[in-house]
């Protein structure tokens, strides 16, 4: 078994930090559902501003709030306004990730979804693993994303 990306939120801004809450990250359930993140699912969080990396689990907050609140010890890893990347993972065989087609959401500064991207893994004509990144049904050249 291998570990694969299942869903990702890229560039979400931290809207709160509550050191005295009992732990986790609180996210807008509308955003979570769109990306495929489930309640109590473990996620990795990478802070683009500080470089901090943590692991915690998802709590659903208020629908439509666009919240991203780090709770408990996780609150020490961020400042309000920091950009974070939140990724969930799943274990399985390559055929499982081919079937899953993970969703990535990118965000504007107000935590409105800017873009919905799909990671598509497939086997090419030679039977080798390959992938594309799709946005609005069109293939996005990876070079355009990574420079």
Protein backbone atom coordinates (compact mmCIF):
# COMPACT_ATOMS: atom_id res chain seq x y z
CA UNK A 1 0.00 0.00 0.00
CA UNK A 2 1.03 3.54 -0.74
CA UNK A 3 -0.12 6.88 0.67
CA UNK A 4 -1.81 9.22 -1.82
CA UNK A 5 -3.30 12.72 -1.72
CA UNK A 6 -7.07 12.51 -1.30
CA UNK A 7 -8.04 16.20 -1.07
CA UNK A 8 -6.20 19.50 -0.73
CA UNK A 9 -6.97 23.10 0.22
CA UNK A 10 -4.22 25.38 -1.10
CA UNK A 11 -3.77 28.94 0.13
CA UNK A 12 -6.59 29.06 2.67
CA UNK A 13 -6.09 31.95 5.11
CA UNK A 14 -6.15 31.38 8.86
CA UNK A 15 -9.12 33.26 10.35
CA UNK A 16 -8.59 32.36 13.98
CA UNK A 17 -6.45 30.61 16.57
CA UNK A 18 -7.85 29.32 19.86
CA UNK A 19 -5.14 27.99 22.16
CA UNK A 20 -7.68 26.95 24.83
CA UNK A 21 -9.88 24.86 22.57
CA UNK A 22 -9.40 21.09 22.85
CA UNK A 23 -7.52 20.69 19.58
CA UNK A 24 -7.90 20.30 15.82
CA UNK A 25 -8.69 22.64 12.93
CA UNK A 26 -12.16 24.08 12.39
CA UNK A 27 -13.11 24.51 8.73
CA UNK A 28 -16.17 25.68 6.82
CA UNK A 29 -18.10 22.48 5.98
CA UNK A 30 -19.09 23.85 2.56
CA UNK A 31 -15.41 24.09 1.63
CA UNK A 32 -14.73 20.66 3.11
CA UNK A 33 -17.56 18.99 1.23
CA UNK A 34 -16.49 20.57 -2.06
CA UNK A 35 -12.94 19.24 -1.63
CA UNK A 36 -13.98 15.92 -0.08
CA UNK A 37 -12.71 16.40 3.49
CA UNK A 38 -14.73 14.55 6.11
CA UNK A 39 -15.35 15.42 9.79
CA UNK A 40 -12.66 14.03 12.11
CA UNK A 41 -10.42 13.17 9.14
CA UNK A 42 -6.73 13.58 9.86
CA UNK A 43 -4.98 16.21 7.75
CA UNK A 44 -1.51 17.63 7.33
CA UNK A 45 -1.25 21.43 7.58
CA UNK A 46 1.66 23.34 6.10
CA UNK A 47 1.98 27.03 6.94
CA UNK A 48 3.33 28.89 3.90
CA UNK A 49 4.34 31.90 6.01
CA UNK A 50 6.26 30.19 8.83
CA UNK A 51 7.07 26.78 7.38
CA UNK A 52 5.40 25.05 10.34
CA UNK A 53 4.03 21.58 9.61
CA UNK A 54 1.49 19.87 11.82
CA UNK A 55 -0.98 17.03 11.76
CA UNK A 56 -4.46 17.25 13.28
CA UNK A 57 -8.07 16.40 12.52
CA UNK A 58 -10.95 18.34 10.93
CA UNK A 59 -13.92 19.77 12.78
CA UNK A 60 -16.77 21.29 10.80
CA UNK A 61 -17.48 24.90 11.77
CA UNK A 62 -20.22 27.24 10.59
CA UNK A 63 -21.34 26.65 7.01
CA UNK A 64 -20.61 29.63 4.77
CA UNK A 65 -18.21 31.25 7.25
CA UNK A 66 -15.04 30.44 5.23
CA UNK A 67 -13.38 29.80 8.59
CA UNK A 68 -9.97 28.24 9.13
CA UNK A 69 -9.32 28.16 12.87
CA UNK A 70 -6.35 26.39 14.43
CA UNK A 71 -7.19 25.06 17.89
CA UNK A 72 -5.21 23.86 20.89
CA UNK A 73 -1.49 23.37 20.34
CA UNK A 74 -1.98 23.96 16.60
CA UNK A 75 -2.86 27.59 17.43
CA UNK A 76 0.83 28.16 18.25
CA UNK A 77 1.82 27.39 14.65
CA UNK A 78 0.06 30.28 12.91
CA UNK A 79 -1.05 33.88 12.87
CA UNK A 80 -4.39 35.14 11.59
CA UNK A 81 -3.93 35.82 7.88
CA UNK A 82 -1.25 33.15 7.32
CA UNK A 83 -1.73 31.04 4.20
CA UNK A 84 -1.91 27.31 4.80
CA UNK A 85 -2.06 24.19 2.70
CA UNK A 86 -4.26 21.45 4.12
CA UNK A 87 -3.99 17.96 2.64
CA UNK A 88 -5.62 14.67 3.46
CA UNK A 89 -4.26 11.31 2.41
CA UNK A 90 -5.52 7.82 1.82
CA UNK A 91 -3.81 4.47 1.60
CA UNK A 92 -4.28 2.12 -1.29
CA UNK A 93 -2.99 0.77 -4.54
CA UNK A 94 -2.34 2.87 -7.63
CA UNK A 95 -5.68 1.82 -9.08
CA UNK A 96 -7.37 3.37 -6.03
CA UNK A 97 -5.85 6.81 -6.72
CA UNK A 98 -6.73 6.45 -10.41
CA UNK A 99 -10.35 5.95 -9.36
CA UNK A 100 -10.32 8.66 -6.66
CA UNK A 101 -9.39 11.68 -8.80
CA UNK A 102 -8.42 14.01 -5.90
CA UNK A 103 -9.78 17.56 -5.75
CA UNK A 104 -7.67 20.63 -4.96
CA UNK A 105 -9.22 23.98 -4.11
CA UNK A 106 -7.26 27.24 -4.31
CA UNK A 107 -8.39 30.39 -2.52
CA UNK A 108 -8.63 34.16 -2.78
CA UNK A 109 -7.52 36.28 0.22
CA UNK A 110 -11.09 36.24 1.62
CA UNK A 111 -11.15 32.40 1.56
CA UNK A 112 -13.51 32.33 -1.39
CA UNK A 113 -12.70 29.41 -3.69
CA UNK A 114 -10.68 30.72 -6.63
CA UNK A 115 -10.27 27.50 -8.55
CA UNK A 116 -11.16 23.82 -8.39
CA UNK A 117 -8.42 21.60 -9.75
CA UNK A 118 -8.42 17.87 -10.34
CA UNK A 119 -5.41 15.59 -10.07
CA UNK A 120 -5.90 12.81 -12.62
CA UNK A 121 -3.65 9.75 -12.52
CA UNK A 122 -3.89 7.28 -15.40
CA UNK A 123 -1.92 4.76 -17.41
CA UNK A 124 -0.58 6.03 -20.74
CA UNK A 125 -0.43 4.02 -23.98
CA UNK A 126 2.74 2.28 -22.78
CA UNK A 127 0.99 1.25 -19.54
CA UNK A 128 3.14 3.60 -17.46
CA UNK A 129 1.69 5.81 -14.76
CA UNK A 130 1.11 9.40 -15.81
CA UNK A 131 -0.94 12.33 -14.61
CA UNK A 132 -2.62 15.54 -15.63
CA UNK A 133 -3.92 18.48 -13.68
CA UNK A 134 -7.31 19.72 -14.82
CA UNK A 135 -9.13 22.99 -14.22
CA UNK A 136 -12.61 23.64 -15.60
CA UNK A 137 -12.34 20.42 -17.62
CA UNK A 138 -9.16 21.55 -19.41
CA UNK A 139 -5.68 20.14 -18.88
CA UNK A 140 -3.35 22.65 -17.22
CA UNK A 141 0.29 22.29 -18.24
CA UNK A 142 2.21 21.40 -15.11
CA UNK A 143 4.90 23.86 -16.23
CA UNK A 144 2.31 26.66 -15.89
CA UNK A 145 1.80 25.71 -12.24
CA UNK A 146 5.38 25.17 -11.12
CA UNK A 147 7.27 27.65 -13.31
